[in-house]
């Protein structure tokens, strides 16, 4: 939230995003960055708005916040809040009903997202202040967390909206509205990095992911073997390709209500490791990756050294190689199992293993959806233009 945000709307959307469903949504607001210039007034308004919230029976229309899922969740969340209280970081907490699995909505002060070591799946909102000149650093720190499901922004600066939509590594980006309650066909839902690997639910590529590719029904092809490549040589090649800068590939407008702009865009996922198993297979894999704007490294017996590495990559190396986004391997089940096990042993984001040519194109891209409340910045200009026609 920057200093141009509409305070009343930003507070309304923050309350809904953080506390609706008692904060038990994967898309819930966990940390709110507030520009230092307006932080004091925003906190005063936030605390006042919280005082108007009613906790109680979720069947009652008068209730704003119900209980959490069970006693274990209640104890875990409240223990976390009490630790913040002891540290002097608890800014506010509402009183919870005496009976039931209730946790009073809480606001906790942090210096940034790096202070949050785990997701607290409940009505807990972290607040961090930032100076205007550090806006880009905030984005970098959010991306560095590795998580990227939902991101919200309140601003009336158009360039800032464009910058966030391209810079933030999140699957769903919401501007000047809350960041929960994605609608199928309007707001395809899903993240990237530690928050997801596949196409977005409700998006145009979602159903095909449940289909079994035709290649999987064909006879298995034995994996080729050859001289094993050196791990350091492979990493050096990968590092040499890390210079690339991702650019938006394509976008499409999604349906939605009047006053809301929904756009689904495709972005390159990152470096694709093309393991063949034959040199011809690796070449086909690399061609698909590059058409999608992804750098590609071919490693297979017979690969021309001018375009990759001639040799066999021990599948165990997939556990430690850095800066790879996709592994393409069209091999037999034994070889694929070894590759899957190595990838599963990695720390950090899940790396998809693509074993069929028909699936590689969709795995080479990230789907990002942005939803902008066009009425929040003073009116929907497209509607005004339509009326003048």
Protein backbone atom coordinates (compact mmCIF):
# COMPACT_ATOMS: atom_id res chain seq x y z
CA UNK A 1 0.00 0.00 0.00
CA UNK A 2 1.60 3.26 -1.09
CA UNK A 3 0.75 6.81 -0.08
CA UNK A 4 -1.63 7.29 -3.03
CA UNK A 5 -3.94 4.46 -1.94
CA UNK A 6 -7.52 5.28 -0.97
CA UNK A 7 -7.34 4.61 2.81
CA UNK A 8 -10.96 3.58 3.39
CA UNK A 9 -10.94 1.13 0.51
CA UNK A 10 -7.50 -0.23 1.39
CA UNK A 11 -8.59 -0.88 4.99
CA UNK A 12 -11.80 -2.57 3.83
CA UNK A 13 -9.89 -4.85 1.48
CA UNK A 14 -7.16 -5.62 4.03
CA UNK A 15 -9.73 -6.67 6.63
CA UNK A 16 -11.48 -8.97 4.18
CA UNK A 17 -8.22 -10.43 2.85
CA UNK A 18 -6.68 -11.07 6.26
CA UNK A 19 -9.60 -12.01 8.50
CA UNK A 20 -12.47 -13.35 6.37
CA UNK A 21 -12.92 -17.09 6.99
CA UNK A 22 -10.82 -16.49 10.12
CA UNK A 23 -7.78 -16.16 7.87
CA UNK A 24 -8.06 -19.80 6.82
CA UNK A 25 -7.55 -19.24 3.11
CA UNK A 26 -4.43 -20.04 1.13
CA UNK A 27 -4.85 -16.67 -0.60
CA UNK A 28 -5.29 -14.71 2.65
CA UNK A 29 -3.28 -11.56 3.32
CA UNK A 30 -0.40 -12.46 5.65
CA UNK A 31 1.76 -9.33 5.48
CA UNK A 32 0.75 -5.76 4.70
CA UNK A 33 3.49 -3.36 3.63
CA UNK A 34 2.48 0.25 4.32
CA UNK A 35 4.42 3.27 3.07
CA UNK A 36 5.91 5.00 6.08
CA UNK A 37 4.33 8.37 5.20
CA UNK A 38 0.81 7.05 5.87
CA UNK A 39 1.50 4.16 8.25
CA UNK A 40 0.31 5.84 11.45
CA UNK A 41 -3.07 6.90 10.06
CA UNK A 42 -3.55 3.54 8.35
CA UNK A 43 -2.86 1.67 11.60
CA UNK A 44 -5.29 3.92 13.47
CA UNK A 45 -7.99 3.25 10.88
CA UNK A 46 -7.22 -0.47 10.81
CA UNK A 47 -7.51 -0.80 14.57
CA UNK A 48 -10.75 1.16 14.59
CA UNK A 49 -12.23 -1.00 11.83
CA UNK A 50 -11.21 -4.16 13.69
CA UNK A 51 -13.17 -2.98 16.73
CA UNK A 52 -16.33 -3.18 14.63
CA UNK A 53 -15.83 -6.86 13.78
CA UNK A 54 -18.12 -9.42 15.43
CA UNK A 55 -16.80 -12.87 16.35
CA UNK A 56 -19.28 -15.65 16.85
CA UNK A 57 -21.54 -18.26 15.28
CA UNK A 58 -20.72 -18.40 11.54
CA UNK A 59 -24.36 -19.28 10.81
CA UNK A 60 -25.40 -15.83 12.01
CA UNK A 61 -25.54 -13.10 9.38
CA UNK A 62 -24.26 -10.64 12.01
CA UNK A 63 -21.01 -12.56 12.42
CA UNK A 64 -17.88 -11.32 10.67
CA UNK A 65 -15.39 -13.92 11.90
CA UNK A 66 -15.99 -17.51 12.94
CA UNK A 67 -13.74 -20.08 14.65
CA UNK A 68 -10.62 -21.76 13.33
CA UNK A 69 -10.72 -25.40 12.30
CA UNK A 70 -9.85 -27.20 15.55
CA UNK A 71 -8.24 -26.95 18.99
CA UNK A 72 -4.77 -27.70 17.66
CA UNK A 73 -4.96 -24.79 15.23
CA UNK A 74 -6.34 -22.54 17.95
CA UNK A 75 -3.48 -23.38 20.33
CA UNK A 76 -0.81 -23.02 17.64
CA UNK A 77 -2.05 -19.62 16.43
CA UNK A 78 -2.55 -18.21 19.92
CA UNK A 79 0.91 -19.41 20.99
CA UNK A 80 2.38 -17.53 18.04
CA UNK A 81 0.47 -14.38 18.98
CA UNK A 82 1.55 -14.64 22.62
CA UNK A 83 5.19 -14.88 21.55
CA UNK A 84 4.73 -11.64 19.58
CA UNK A 85 3.12 -10.06 22.65
CA UNK A 86 6.12 -11.01 24.78
CA UNK A 87 8.44 -9.52 22.16
CA UNK A 88 6.49 -6.25 22.17
CA UNK A 89 5.40 -6.67 18.54
CA UNK A 90 1.68 -7.27 19.06
CA UNK A 91 -0.07 -4.08 18.01
CA UNK A 92 -3.65 -5.23 18.57
CA UNK A 93 -5.76 -8.32 19.21
CA UNK A 94 -9.51 -8.58 19.59
CA UNK A 95 -11.02 -10.51 22.46
CA UNK A 96 -12.27 -13.96 21.43
CA UNK A 97 -15.42 -15.71 22.67
CA UNK A 98 -14.85 -17.97 25.69
CA UNK A 99 -16.28 -21.07 24.03
CA UNK A 100 -15.35 -22.57 20.67
CA UNK A 101 -12.12 -22.63 18.68
CA UNK A 102 -11.85 -18.86 18.37
CA UNK A 103 -8.72 -16.76 17.97
CA UNK A 104 -9.04 -13.02 18.21
CA UNK A 105 -7.80 -11.30 15.01
CA UNK A 106 -4.31 -9.99 15.66
CA UNK A 107 -1.95 -7.44 14.10
CA UNK A 108 1.78 -8.03 14.56
CA UNK A 109 4.61 -5.68 13.63
CA UNK A 110 7.54 -6.99 11.56
CA UNK A 111 10.37 -5.37 9.62
CA UNK A 112 9.60 -7.37 6.48
CA UNK A 113 8.60 -10.70 5.03
CA UNK A 114 11.92 -12.29 6.05
CA UNK A 115 10.77 -12.07 9.69
CA UNK A 116 7.93 -14.51 8.98
CA UNK A 117 9.42 -17.99 9.22
CA UNK A 118 6.17 -19.92 8.75
CA UNK A 119 2.64 -19.38 7.53
CA UNK A 120 0.21 -18.77 10.38
CA UNK A 121 -3.02 -20.16 8.96
CA UNK A 122 -5.43 -17.99 10.89
CA UNK A 123 -6.56 -14.40 11.57
CA UNK A 124 -3.06 -12.92 12.00
CA UNK A 125 -1.91 -9.92 9.94
CA UNK A 126 1.71 -8.80 9.91
CA UNK A 127 2.45 -5.12 9.29
CA UNK A 128 5.71 -3.77 7.84
CA UNK A 129 6.59 -0.16 7.07
CA UNK A 130 8.64 0.86 4.05
CA UNK A 131 10.02 4.11 2.69
CA UNK A 132 8.98 5.24 -0.78
CA UNK A 133 12.49 4.93 -2.18
CA UNK A 134 12.62 1.28 -1.07
CA UNK A 135 9.56 0.14 -3.04
CA UNK A 136 11.61 -1.97 -5.47
CA UNK A 137 13.47 -3.56 -2.56
CA UNK A 138 10.13 -4.62 -1.05
CA UNK A 139 9.24 -6.41 -4.30
CA UNK A 140 12.66 -8.09 -4.38
CA UNK A 141 12.26 -9.30 -0.78
CA UNK A 142 8.81 -10.72 -1.50
CA UNK A 143 10.14 -12.57 -4.53
CA UNK A 144 13.11 -13.85 -2.51
CA UNK A 145 10.73 -15.68 -0.16
CA UNK A 146 10.14 -18.21 -2.93
CA UNK A 147 6.36 -18.20 -2.39
CA UNK A 148 4.08 -16.74 -5.03
CA UNK A 149 0.36 -17.43 -4.77
CA UNK A 150 -1.38 -14.07 -4.32
CA UNK A 151 -0.17 -10.47 -4.20
CA UNK A 152 -2.25 -7.37 -3.61
CA UNK A 153 -1.44 -3.74 -4.36
CA UNK A 154 -3.25 -0.52 -3.50
CA UNK A 155 -2.06 2.47 -5.51
CA UNK A 156 -3.31 5.10 -7.92
CA UNK A 157 -0.08 5.19 -9.92
CA UNK A 158 -0.58 3.40 -13.25
CA UNK A 159 3.13 2.82 -13.81
CA UNK A 160 3.38 1.14 -10.42
CA UNK A 161 0.58 -1.24 -11.38
CA UNK A 162 2.39 -2.14 -14.60
CA UNK A 163 5.67 -2.59 -12.76
CA UNK A 164 4.19 -4.85 -10.11
CA UNK A 165 2.36 -6.97 -12.68
CA UNK A 166 5.65 -7.78 -14.42
CA UNK A 167 8.04 -7.78 -11.45
CA UNK A 168 6.14 -9.79 -8.84
CA UNK A 169 6.58 -13.56 -9.05
CA UNK A 170 3.03 -14.45 -8.08
CA UNK A 171 0.26 -16.33 -9.85
CA UNK A 172 -2.54 -13.92 -8.92
CA UNK A 173 -2.11 -10.16 -8.62
CA UNK A 174 -4.95 -8.02 -7.31
CA UNK A 175 -4.96 -4.22 -7.63
CA UNK A 176 -7.15 -1.91 -5.54
CA UNK A 177 -9.36 -4.75 -4.28
CA UNK A 178 -9.16 -7.68 -1.87
CA UNK A 179 -7.02 -10.69 -2.77
CA UNK A 180 -9.36 -13.57 -1.93
CA UNK A 181 -12.26 -15.31 -3.64
CA UNK A 182 -10.96 -15.99 -7.16
CA UNK A 183 -13.79 -16.71 -9.63
CA UNK A 184 -13.51 -19.50 -12.22
CA UNK A 185 -13.07 -18.19 -15.79
CA UNK A 186 -12.60 -14.63 -14.53
CA UNK A 187 -9.64 -15.14 -12.20
CA UNK A 188 -7.79 -18.41 -12.91
CA UNK A 189 -6.15 -19.38 -9.63
CA UNK A 190 -2.71 -20.77 -8.88
CA UNK A 191 0.81 -19.77 -7.95
CA UNK A 192 4.43 -20.36 -8.84
CA UNK A 193 7.66 -21.27 -7.11
CA UNK A 194 6.90 -22.85 -3.74
CA UNK A 195 3.22 -22.09 -4.35
CA UNK A 196 2.60 -24.22 -7.43
CA UNK A 197 4.00 -25.66 -10.63
CA UNK A 198 1.11 -26.27 -13.01
CA UNK A 199 -1.57 -24.36 -14.93
CA UNK A 200 -4.05 -22.29 -12.99
CA UNK A 201 -7.36 -23.73 -11.80
CA UNK A 202 -10.14 -22.30 -13.92
CA UNK A 203 -7.72 -21.38 -16.69
CA UNK A 204 -7.69 -22.48 -20.34
CA UNK A 205 -4.89 -25.08 -19.83
CA UNK A 206 -6.20 -26.68 -16.66
CA UNK A 207 -8.33 -29.57 -17.93
CA UNK A 208 -5.67 -30.90 -20.29
CA UNK A 209 -3.31 -31.42 -17.34
CA UNK A 210 -5.61 -34.21 -16.14
CA UNK A 211 -5.34 -36.04 -19.44
CA UNK A 212 -2.85 -38.82 -20.03
CA UNK A 213 -0.53 -37.81 -22.88
CA UNK A 214 -0.56 -40.01 -25.96
CA UNK A 215 3.20 -40.56 -25.74
CA UNK A 216 2.77 -42.33 -22.41
CA UNK A 217 0.71 -45.02 -24.12
CA UNK A 218 3.45 -45.88 -26.59
CA UNK A 219 6.13 -48.49 -26.09
CA UNK A 220 8.85 -47.45 -23.67
CA UNK A 221 12.19 -46.44 -25.12
CA UNK A 222 15.30 -47.45 -23.23
CA UNK A 223 17.32 -44.52 -21.94
CA UNK A 224 20.59 -43.89 -23.71
CA UNK A 225 23.80 -43.88 -21.73
CA UNK A 226 27.24 -42.49 -22.42
CA UNK A 227 30.17 -40.78 -20.72
CA UNK A 228 28.96 -39.08 -17.54
CA UNK A 229 29.21 -35.30 -17.51
CA UNK A 230 30.84 -33.34 -14.72
CA UNK A 231 28.54 -31.48 -12.32
CA UNK A 232 30.68 -28.33 -12.22
CA UNK A 233 30.79 -28.17 -16.03
CA UNK A 234 27.00 -28.43 -16.17
CA UNK A 235 26.51 -25.72 -13.54
CA UNK A 236 28.93 -23.47 -15.40
CA UNK A 237 26.86 -23.84 -18.57
CA UNK A 238 23.67 -23.11 -16.62
CA UNK A 239 25.20 -20.01 -15.03
CA UNK A 240 26.19 -18.75 -18.47
CA UNK A 241 22.53 -18.88 -19.54
CA UNK A 242 21.18 -17.10 -16.47
CA UNK A 243 21.59 -13.67 -18.07
CA UNK A 244 18.23 -13.82 -19.82
CA UNK A 245 15.47 -11.40 -18.86
CA UNK A 246 11.92 -12.75 -18.96
CA UNK A 247 9.49 -10.90 -21.18
CA UNK A 248 5.73 -11.26 -21.35
CA UNK A 249 4.83 -13.72 -24.11
CA UNK A 250 1.12 -13.14 -24.60
CA UNK A 251 -1.99 -12.03 -22.77
CA UNK A 252 -5.72 -12.48 -23.02
CA UNK A 253 -8.63 -10.65 -21.45
CA UNK A 254 -10.82 -12.75 -19.18
CA UNK A 255 -14.52 -12.25 -18.57
CA UNK A 256 -15.57 -10.38 -15.46
CA UNK A 257 -18.02 -7.88 -14.00
CA UNK A 258 -18.21 -4.25 -15.11
CA UNK A 259 -15.54 -2.16 -13.42
CA UNK A 260 -13.03 -4.99 -13.18
CA UNK A 261 -10.21 -5.76 -15.62
CA UNK A 262 -9.02 -9.39 -15.64
CA UNK A 263 -5.99 -10.37 -17.71
CA UNK A 264 -4.20 -13.71 -18.02
CA UNK A 265 -0.58 -13.44 -19.19
CA UNK A 266 2.08 -16.00 -20.04
CA UNK A 267 5.70 -15.62 -18.93
CA UNK A 268 8.74 -17.85 -19.54
CA UNK A 269 9.24 -20.23 -16.62
CA UNK A 270 13.05 -20.24 -16.78
CA UNK A 271 15.88 -22.49 -17.88
CA UNK A 272 14.84 -25.84 -19.35
CA UNK A 273 17.26 -28.75 -18.94
CA UNK A 274 16.85 -30.89 -22.07
CA UNK A 275 18.02 -34.43 -21.34
CA UNK A 276 16.76 -36.20 -24.45
CA UNK A 277 17.59 -39.06 -23.94
CA UNK A 278 18.82 -38.82 -27.55
CA UNK A 279 20.47 -35.78 -29.12
CA UNK A 280 17.49 -35.47 -31.47
CA UNK A 281 15.06 -35.49 -28.55
CA UNK A 282 17.14 -32.86 -26.74
CA UNK A 283 17.12 -30.67 -29.85
CA UNK A 284 13.32 -30.87 -30.11
CA UNK A 285 12.99 -30.05 -26.39
CA UNK A 286 15.30 -27.06 -26.72
CA UNK A 287 13.36 -25.76 -29.71
CA UNK A 288 10.10 -25.81 -27.76
CA UNK A 289 11.70 -24.09 -24.77
CA UNK A 290 13.25 -21.32 -26.83
CA UNK A 291 10.01 -20.64 -28.67
CA UNK A 292 8.55 -19.91 -25.23
CA UNK A 293 11.37 -17.53 -24.36
CA UNK A 294 13.18 -19.95 -22.07
CA UNK A 295 16.94 -20.56 -22.22
CA UNK A 296 17.69 -24.24 -22.84
CA UNK A 297 20.66 -26.49 -22.12
CA UNK A 298 20.91 -29.78 -24.03
CA UNK A 299 22.73 -32.68 -22.34
CA UNK A 300 22.66 -36.02 -24.15
CA UNK A 301 25.03 -38.38 -25.96
CA UNK A 302 25.80 -36.96 -29.40
CA UNK A 303 24.85 -33.34 -28.68
CA UNK A 304 26.98 -30.85 -30.60
CA UNK A 305 29.27 -29.18 -27.98
CA UNK A 306 28.55 -25.85 -29.65
CA UNK A 307 24.92 -26.10 -28.44
CA UNK A 308 25.15 -28.16 -25.27
CA UNK A 309 27.03 -30.98 -23.59
CA UNK A 310 27.83 -34.32 -25.18
CA UNK A 311 27.32 -36.98 -22.52
CA UNK A 312 24.98 -38.50 -19.97
CA UNK A 313 23.80 -36.53 -16.93
CA UNK A 314 23.66 -38.76 -13.84
CA UNK A 315 20.13 -38.28 -12.57
CA UNK A 316 21.40 -37.79 -9.00
CA UNK A 317 22.81 -34.42 -10.07
CA UNK A 318 19.26 -33.12 -10.49
CA UNK A 319 19.12 -32.83 -6.71
CA UNK A 320 21.88 -30.20 -6.53
CA UNK A 321 21.94 -28.30 -9.85
CA UNK A 322 20.84 -24.70 -9.33
CA UNK A 323 18.74 -22.29 -11.41
CA UNK A 324 16.81 -24.86 -13.42
CA UNK A 325 13.07 -24.45 -13.89
CA UNK A 326 12.00 -27.48 -15.97
CA UNK A 327 13.54 -30.85 -16.80
CA UNK A 328 12.53 -32.46 -20.12
CA UNK A 329 13.20 -36.19 -20.44
CA UNK A 330 11.41 -38.59 -22.80
CA UNK A 331 12.74 -41.86 -21.49
CA UNK A 332 11.74 -45.24 -20.06
CA UNK A 333 10.03 -45.57 -16.70
CA UNK A 334 13.15 -46.67 -14.84
CA UNK A 335 15.07 -43.61 -15.97
CA UNK A 336 12.12 -41.31 -15.30
CA UNK A 337 11.76 -42.74 -11.79
CA UNK A 338 15.40 -41.94 -11.03
CA UNK A 339 14.93 -38.39 -12.29
CA UNK A 340 11.74 -37.90 -10.25
CA UNK A 341 13.39 -39.15 -7.08
CA UNK A 342 16.33 -36.79 -7.55
CA UNK A 343 14.04 -33.81 -8.16
CA UNK A 344 11.87 -34.72 -5.17
CA UNK A 345 14.95 -34.60 -2.93
CA UNK A 346 15.62 -30.93 -3.79
CA UNK A 347 15.10 -28.08 -1.38
CA UNK A 348 12.95 -25.16 -2.49
CA UNK A 349 10.54 -24.91 -5.37
CA UNK A 350 9.27 -28.03 -7.10
CA UNK A 351 10.85 -28.63 -10.52
CA UNK A 352 8.50 -30.31 -13.00
CA UNK A 353 9.73 -33.32 -14.97
CA UNK A 354 8.13 -33.36 -18.44
CA UNK A 355 8.07 -36.81 -19.99
CA UNK A 356 5.86 -36.15 -23.02
CA UNK A 357 6.41 -33.81 -25.96
CA UNK A 358 2.79 -32.67 -25.94
CA UNK A 359 3.12 -31.28 -22.40
CA UNK A 360 6.39 -29.41 -22.69
CA UNK A 361 4.96 -26.24 -24.22
CA UNK A 362 2.59 -25.62 -21.29
CA UNK A 363 5.27 -26.39 -18.70
CA UNK A 364 7.61 -23.80 -20.23
CA UNK A 365 5.36 -20.93 -19.16
CA UNK A 366 4.05 -19.37 -15.97
CA UNK A 367 0.45 -18.23 -16.00
CA UNK A 368 -0.12 -14.97 -14.17
CA UNK A 369 -3.49 -13.38 -13.64
CA UNK A 370 -4.07 -9.75 -12.73
CA UNK A 371 -7.36 -8.33 -11.51
CA UNK A 372 -7.74 -4.55 -11.33
CA UNK A 373 -10.68 -2.74 -9.78
CA UNK A 374 -10.87 0.03 -12.37
CA UNK A 375 -13.42 2.00 -10.32
CA UNK A 376 -11.01 2.51 -7.43
CA UNK A 377 -8.84 5.13 -9.12
CA UNK A 378 -11.63 7.57 -9.90
CA UNK A 379 -13.74 5.79 -12.49
CA UNK A 380 -13.66 3.34 -15.37
CA UNK A 381 -12.21 5.25 -18.33
CA UNK A 382 -13.28 2.55 -20.77
CA UNK A 383 -16.92 3.05 -19.76
CA UNK A 384 -16.65 6.80 -20.26
CA UNK A 385 -15.22 6.24 -23.74
CA UNK A 386 -18.01 3.81 -24.55
CA UNK A 387 -20.66 6.36 -23.52
CA UNK A 388 -19.13 8.99 -25.80
CA UNK A 389 -19.55 6.70 -28.81
